[in-house]
Amino acid sequence: MAHRILIVDDEPNIVISLEYLLKKEGFDVTVATDGDAALHKATEFRPHLMLLDVMMPKKSGFEVCELLRADATMADLKIIMLTAKGRETEVTKGLALGANAYITKPFSTKDLVAQIKTLLA
């Protein structure tokens, strides 16, 4: 059974390229384009891992991460924050809220896939 990955980003170009890349790697992928949709899809799709942008409409990635970490049924979900906000304070906040990793844009797709495979191993 393929691992399920939820891509949460409001930038269409990033979503398209990540979706293509991850499907090519054999993952089962779905997408959400705002914070509210991310929470809904997480409950419905039950992903093993979420790629979560920070700056999004409706709820920020920080808010989504915090809400998911407060939900005991999502305890096993791995979260990689993927964002242009790379200041140390944002990285620290993302990790403190429960993200498993924090990757800043632009990023290497090779490194991202390696990080995903490590977290899912």
N, C-alpha and C. Protein backbone atom coordinates (compact mmCIF):
# COMPACT_ATOMS: atom_id res chain seq x y z
N MET A 1 0.84 -1.19 0.00
CA MET A 1 0.00 0.00 0.00
C MET A 1 0.88 1.25 0.00
N ALA A 2 0.59 2.17 -0.89
CA ALA A 2 1.37 3.40 -0.99
C ALA A 2 1.08 4.32 0.19
N HIS A 3 2.11 5.01 0.64
CA HIS A 3 1.91 6.03 1.67
C HIS A 3 1.09 7.17 1.09
N ARG A 4 0.19 7.72 1.91
CA ARG A 4 -0.66 8.83 1.50
C ARG A 4 -0.02 10.16 1.94
N ILE A 5 0.06 11.09 1.00
CA ILE A 5 0.63 12.41 1.28
C ILE A 5 -0.39 13.48 0.91
N LEU A 6 -0.58 14.42 1.82
CA LEU A 6 -1.45 15.58 1.59
C LEU A 6 -0.56 16.80 1.37
N ILE A 7 -0.68 17.41 0.19
CA ILE A 7 0.04 18.64 -0.13
C ILE A 7 -0.88 19.80 0.17
N VAL A 8 -0.42 20.72 1.03
CA VAL A 8 -1.22 21.88 1.38
C VAL A 8 -0.45 23.14 1.00
N ASP A 9 -0.87 23.78 -0.08
CA ASP A 9 -0.20 24.99 -0.57
C ASP A 9 -1.19 25.75 -1.45
N ASP A 10 -1.12 27.07 -1.41
CA ASP A 10 -2.04 27.87 -2.23
C ASP A 10 -1.40 28.37 -3.52
N GLU A 11 -0.17 27.93 -3.81
CA GLU A 11 0.50 28.31 -5.05
C GLU A 11 0.37 27.17 -6.07
N PRO A 12 -0.45 27.37 -7.12
CA PRO A 12 -0.71 26.30 -8.09
C PRO A 12 0.54 25.66 -8.69
N ASN A 13 1.57 26.46 -9.00
CA ASN A 13 2.77 25.90 -9.61
C ASN A 13 3.48 24.92 -8.68
N ILE A 14 3.52 25.24 -7.40
CA ILE A 14 4.15 24.35 -6.43
C ILE A 14 3.33 23.08 -6.27
N VAL A 15 2.01 23.23 -6.18
CA VAL A 15 1.13 22.08 -6.03
C VAL A 15 1.29 21.12 -7.22
N ILE A 16 1.25 21.66 -8.42
CA ILE A 16 1.36 20.83 -9.63
C ILE A 16 2.69 20.07 -9.65
N SER A 17 3.78 20.78 -9.39
CA SER A 17 5.09 20.11 -9.46
C SER A 17 5.26 19.09 -8.34
N LEU A 18 4.83 19.41 -7.12
CA LEU A 18 4.95 18.45 -6.01
C LEU A 18 4.06 17.23 -6.24
N GLU A 19 2.85 17.46 -6.72
CA GLU A 19 1.92 16.36 -6.97
C GLU A 19 2.52 15.41 -8.02
N TYR A 20 3.04 15.97 -9.10
CA TYR A 20 3.66 15.16 -10.15
C TYR A 20 4.85 14.37 -9.60
N LEU A 21 5.74 15.06 -8.90
CA LEU A 21 6.93 14.44 -8.34
C LEU A 21 6.59 13.28 -7.40
N LEU A 22 5.66 13.52 -6.49
CA LEU A 22 5.35 12.50 -5.48
C LEU A 22 4.58 11.32 -6.05
N LYS A 23 3.71 11.58 -7.03
CA LYS A 23 3.02 10.46 -7.70
C LYS A 23 4.04 9.61 -8.46
N LYS A 24 5.02 10.26 -9.08
CA LYS A 24 6.07 9.56 -9.81
C LYS A 24 6.89 8.67 -8.86
N GLU A 25 7.01 9.11 -7.60
CA GLU A 25 7.73 8.34 -6.58
C GLU A 25 6.87 7.21 -5.99
N GLY A 26 5.60 7.14 -6.43
CA GLY A 26 4.74 6.05 -5.98
C GLY A 26 3.84 6.34 -4.80
N PHE A 27 3.76 7.62 -4.42
CA PHE A 27 2.89 7.98 -3.30
C PHE A 27 1.46 8.23 -3.78
N ASP A 28 0.50 8.02 -2.88
CA ASP A 28 -0.90 8.36 -3.10
C ASP A 28 -1.05 9.81 -2.63
N VAL A 29 -1.40 10.72 -3.52
CA VAL A 29 -1.35 12.16 -3.22
C VAL A 29 -2.71 12.82 -3.38
N THR A 30 -3.02 13.74 -2.46
CA THR A 30 -4.16 14.62 -2.62
C THR A 30 -3.72 16.02 -2.21
N VAL A 31 -4.56 17.02 -2.51
CA VAL A 31 -4.16 18.42 -2.36
C VAL A 31 -5.24 19.22 -1.64
N ALA A 32 -4.79 20.21 -0.86
CA ALA A 32 -5.67 21.22 -0.27
C ALA A 32 -5.00 22.57 -0.51
N THR A 33 -5.81 23.61 -0.73
CA THR A 33 -5.23 24.91 -1.08
C THR A 33 -5.45 25.99 -0.02
N ASP A 34 -6.00 25.64 1.13
CA ASP A 34 -6.10 26.58 2.24
C ASP A 34 -6.15 25.80 3.55
N GLY A 35 -6.04 26.52 4.66
CA GLY A 35 -5.97 25.87 5.97
C GLY A 35 -7.21 25.08 6.34
N ASP A 36 -8.39 25.62 6.04
CA ASP A 36 -9.63 24.89 6.37
C ASP A 36 -9.74 23.60 5.56
N ALA A 37 -9.42 23.68 4.27
CA ALA A 37 -9.46 22.49 3.42
C ALA A 37 -8.44 21.47 3.89
N ALA A 38 -7.30 21.93 4.39
CA ALA A 38 -6.26 21.02 4.89
C ALA A 38 -6.79 20.18 6.05
N LEU A 39 -7.49 20.81 6.97
CA LEU A 39 -8.04 20.09 8.12
C LEU A 39 -9.10 19.08 7.67
N HIS A 40 -9.94 19.50 6.74
CA HIS A 40 -10.99 18.61 6.22
C HIS A 40 -10.37 17.41 5.51
N LYS A 41 -9.40 17.67 4.62
CA LYS A 41 -8.76 16.58 3.86
C LYS A 41 -7.97 15.65 4.78
N ALA A 42 -7.35 16.21 5.82
CA ALA A 42 -6.58 15.37 6.75
C ALA A 42 -7.50 14.35 7.43
N THR A 43 -8.70 14.79 7.79
CA THR A 43 -9.66 13.90 8.44
C THR A 43 -10.21 12.87 7.45
N GLU A 44 -10.47 13.31 6.24
CA GLU A 44 -11.06 12.46 5.21
C GLU A 44 -10.06 11.49 4.58
N PHE A 45 -8.87 11.98 4.23
CA PHE A 45 -7.86 11.23 3.48
C PHE A 45 -6.93 10.40 4.38
N ARG A 46 -6.81 10.83 5.64
CA ARG A 46 -5.94 10.16 6.62
C ARG A 46 -4.51 9.98 6.09
N PRO A 47 -3.83 11.08 5.75
CA PRO A 47 -2.48 10.97 5.19
C PRO A 47 -1.48 10.46 6.22
N HIS A 48 -0.40 9.88 5.70
CA HIS A 48 0.71 9.49 6.56
C HIS A 48 1.63 10.69 6.79
N LEU A 49 1.65 11.59 5.78
CA LEU A 49 2.53 12.75 5.83
C LEU A 49 1.84 13.93 5.15
N MET A 50 2.11 15.13 5.69
CA MET A 50 1.55 16.35 5.12
C MET A 50 2.68 17.33 4.81
N LEU A 51 2.67 17.86 3.59
CA LEU A 51 3.55 18.97 3.23
C LEU A 51 2.72 20.23 3.42
N LEU A 52 3.12 21.08 4.35
CA LEU A 52 2.26 22.17 4.80
C LEU A 52 2.92 23.53 4.63
N ASP A 53 2.33 24.36 3.76
CA ASP A 53 2.80 25.73 3.58
C ASP A 53 2.38 26.54 4.81
N VAL A 54 3.13 27.60 5.12
CA VAL A 54 2.79 28.43 6.28
C VAL A 54 1.80 29.53 5.91
N MET A 55 2.10 30.28 4.85
CA MET A 55 1.25 31.43 4.49
C MET A 55 0.14 30.98 3.54
N MET A 56 -1.07 30.83 4.09
CA MET A 56 -2.22 30.37 3.30
C MET A 56 -3.49 31.11 3.72
N PRO A 57 -4.50 31.08 2.84
CA PRO A 57 -5.79 31.67 3.21
C PRO A 57 -6.49 30.85 4.29
N LYS A 58 -7.39 31.49 5.00
CA LYS A 58 -8.30 30.92 5.99
C LYS A 58 -7.61 30.51 7.29
N LYS A 59 -6.63 29.63 7.26
CA LYS A 59 -5.83 29.30 8.44
C LYS A 59 -4.38 29.16 7.98
N SER A 60 -3.47 29.66 8.79
CA SER A 60 -2.06 29.53 8.44
C SER A 60 -1.59 28.09 8.69
N GLY A 61 -0.45 27.75 8.12
CA GLY A 61 0.13 26.44 8.38
C GLY A 61 0.41 26.23 9.85
N PHE A 62 0.80 27.30 10.55
CA PHE A 62 1.03 27.19 11.99
C PHE A 62 -0.25 26.78 12.71
N GLU A 63 -1.37 27.42 12.35
CA GLU A 63 -2.65 27.09 12.97
C GLU A 63 -3.06 25.64 12.67
N VAL A 64 -2.89 25.24 11.41
CA VAL A 64 -3.24 23.87 11.00
C VAL A 64 -2.40 22.86 11.77
N CYS A 65 -1.11 23.11 11.86
CA CYS A 65 -0.20 22.21 12.58
C CYS A 65 -0.64 22.09 14.05
N GLU A 66 -0.91 23.21 14.67
CA GLU A 66 -1.31 23.22 16.08
C GLU A 66 -2.61 22.44 16.29
N LEU A 67 -3.59 22.64 15.42
CA LEU A 67 -4.87 21.94 15.54
C LEU A 67 -4.71 20.43 15.33
N LEU A 68 -3.88 20.06 14.35
CA LEU A 68 -3.67 18.63 14.10
C LEU A 68 -2.94 17.97 15.27
N ARG A 69 -1.99 18.67 15.85
CA ARG A 69 -1.25 18.10 16.98
C ARG A 69 -2.11 17.98 18.23
N ALA A 70 -3.19 18.75 18.30
CA ALA A 70 -4.11 18.66 19.44
C ALA A 70 -5.11 17.51 19.27
N ASP A 71 -5.15 16.92 18.07
CA ASP A 71 -6.08 15.84 17.76
C ASP A 71 -5.38 14.49 17.92
N ALA A 72 -5.76 13.72 18.92
CA ALA A 72 -5.11 12.44 19.22
C ALA A 72 -5.18 11.46 18.05
N THR A 73 -6.22 11.57 17.22
CA THR A 73 -6.34 10.64 16.09
C THR A 73 -5.30 10.94 15.00
N MET A 74 -4.63 12.09 15.10
CA MET A 74 -3.62 12.48 14.10
C MET A 74 -2.20 12.36 14.66
N ALA A 75 -2.04 11.65 15.75
CA ALA A 75 -0.75 11.57 16.43
C ALA A 75 0.37 11.03 15.55
N ASP A 76 0.05 10.11 14.63
CA ASP A 76 1.09 9.51 13.80
C ASP A 76 1.40 10.30 12.53
N LEU A 77 0.63 11.34 12.26
CA LEU A 77 0.83 12.14 11.05
C LEU A 77 2.17 12.87 11.11
N LYS A 78 2.96 12.70 10.06
CA LYS A 78 4.23 13.43 9.94
C LYS A 78 3.94 14.73 9.20
N ILE A 79 4.49 15.83 9.69
CA ILE A 79 4.26 17.13 9.08
C ILE A 79 5.59 17.78 8.70
N ILE A 80 5.71 18.12 7.41
CA ILE A 80 6.86 18.89 6.94
C ILE A 80 6.34 20.26 6.54
N MET A 81 6.79 21.29 7.23
CA MET A 81 6.43 22.65 6.85
C MET A 81 7.33 23.05 5.70
N LEU A 82 6.71 23.58 4.66
CA LEU A 82 7.40 23.91 3.42
C LEU A 82 7.05 25.35 3.10
N THR A 83 7.98 26.27 3.31
CA THR A 83 7.60 27.66 3.25
C THR A 83 8.73 28.60 2.86
N ALA A 84 8.36 29.78 2.39
CA ALA A 84 9.34 30.84 2.09
C ALA A 84 9.77 31.54 3.37
N LYS A 85 9.01 31.35 4.46
CA LYS A 85 9.35 32.00 5.73
C LYS A 85 10.44 31.19 6.42
N GLY A 86 11.70 31.61 6.23
CA GLY A 86 12.80 30.82 6.73
C GLY A 86 13.58 31.44 7.88
N ARG A 87 13.05 32.51 8.47
CA ARG A 87 13.76 33.11 9.60
C ARG A 87 13.77 32.12 10.76
N GLU A 88 14.78 32.23 11.58
CA GLU A 88 14.94 31.29 12.70
C GLU A 88 13.70 31.25 13.60
N THR A 89 13.06 32.40 13.80
CA THR A 89 11.88 32.42 14.67
C THR A 89 10.74 31.58 14.09
N GLU A 90 10.57 31.63 12.76
CA GLU A 90 9.51 30.83 12.13
C GLU A 90 9.83 29.34 12.20
N VAL A 91 11.09 28.99 11.95
CA VAL A 91 11.51 27.59 12.02
C VAL A 91 11.27 27.06 13.43
N THR A 92 11.70 27.82 14.42
CA THR A 92 11.53 27.43 15.82
C THR A 92 10.05 27.27 16.16
N LYS A 93 9.22 28.21 15.70
CA LYS A 93 7.78 28.14 15.97
C LYS A 93 7.17 26.90 15.33
N GLY A 94 7.50 26.63 14.07
CA GLY A 94 6.96 25.46 13.38
C GLY A 94 7.32 24.17 14.09
N LEU A 95 8.56 24.04 14.49
CA LEU A 95 8.99 22.82 15.19
C LEU A 95 8.37 22.73 16.58
N ALA A 96 8.24 23.88 17.26
CA ALA A 96 7.62 23.90 18.58
C ALA A 96 6.14 23.50 18.52
N LEU A 97 5.48 23.84 17.42
CA LEU A 97 4.06 23.48 17.26
C LEU A 97 3.88 22.02 16.87
N GLY A 98 4.97 21.33 16.56
CA GLY A 98 4.86 19.91 16.29
C GLY A 98 5.25 19.44 14.91
N ALA A 99 5.76 20.34 14.06
CA ALA A 99 6.21 19.89 12.74
C ALA A 99 7.42 18.96 12.93
N ASN A 100 7.50 17.93 12.08
CA ASN A 100 8.63 17.01 12.14
C ASN A 100 9.86 17.57 11.43
N ALA A 101 9.62 18.46 10.46
CA ALA A 101 10.71 19.07 9.71
C ALA A 101 10.23 20.40 9.14
N TYR A 102 11.18 21.26 8.80
CA TYR A 102 10.87 22.59 8.28
C TYR A 102 11.81 22.85 7.12
N ILE A 103 11.27 22.97 5.92
CA ILE A 103 12.08 23.16 4.72
C ILE A 103 11.69 24.50 4.09
N THR A 104 12.70 25.31 3.76
CA THR A 104 12.42 26.62 3.18
C THR A 104 12.48 26.57 1.65
N LYS A 105 11.61 27.39 1.03
CA LYS A 105 11.59 27.53 -0.43
C LYS A 105 12.62 28.59 -0.81
N PRO A 106 13.30 28.45 -1.92
CA PRO A 106 13.25 27.30 -2.82
C PRO A 106 13.98 26.11 -2.20
N PHE A 107 13.58 24.92 -2.61
CA PHE A 107 14.16 23.71 -2.02
C PHE A 107 14.53 22.74 -3.13
N SER A 108 15.38 21.80 -2.79
CA SER A 108 15.78 20.76 -3.72
C SER A 108 14.74 19.64 -3.66
N THR A 109 14.16 19.27 -4.81
CA THR A 109 13.17 18.19 -4.81
C THR A 109 13.81 16.87 -4.37
N LYS A 110 15.06 16.68 -4.72
CA LYS A 110 15.78 15.47 -4.31
C LYS A 110 15.88 15.39 -2.79
N ASP A 111 16.23 16.52 -2.15
CA ASP A 111 16.32 16.56 -0.69
C ASP A 111 14.95 16.38 -0.05
N LEU A 112 13.92 16.97 -0.66
CA LEU A 112 12.57 16.83 -0.12
C LEU A 112 12.12 15.37 -0.15
N VAL A 113 12.31 14.70 -1.27
CA VAL A 113 11.92 13.28 -1.38
C VAL A 113 12.70 12.44 -0.37
N ALA A 114 13.99 12.74 -0.19
CA ALA A 114 14.79 12.01 0.80
C ALA A 114 14.25 12.22 2.20
N GLN A 115 13.88 13.46 2.53
CA GLN A 115 13.30 13.77 3.85
C GLN A 115 11.99 13.04 4.06
N ILE A 116 11.13 13.01 3.03
CA ILE A 116 9.85 12.31 3.11
C ILE A 116 10.08 10.83 3.37
N LYS A 117 10.97 10.22 2.60
CA LYS A 117 11.23 8.78 2.75
C LYS A 117 11.81 8.47 4.13
N THR A 118 12.65 9.36 4.65
CA THR A 118 13.21 9.16 6.00
C THR A 118 12.11 9.20 7.05
N LEU A 119 11.23 10.18 6.97
CA LEU A 119 10.15 10.31 7.95
C LEU A 119 9.16 9.14 7.89
N LEU A 120 8.95 8.60 6.69
CA LEU A 120 7.98 7.52 6.53
C LEU A 120 8.58 6.12 6.77
N ALA A 121 9.90 6.06 6.91
CA ALA A 121 10.56 4.75 7.10
C ALA A 121 10.25 4.15 8.46
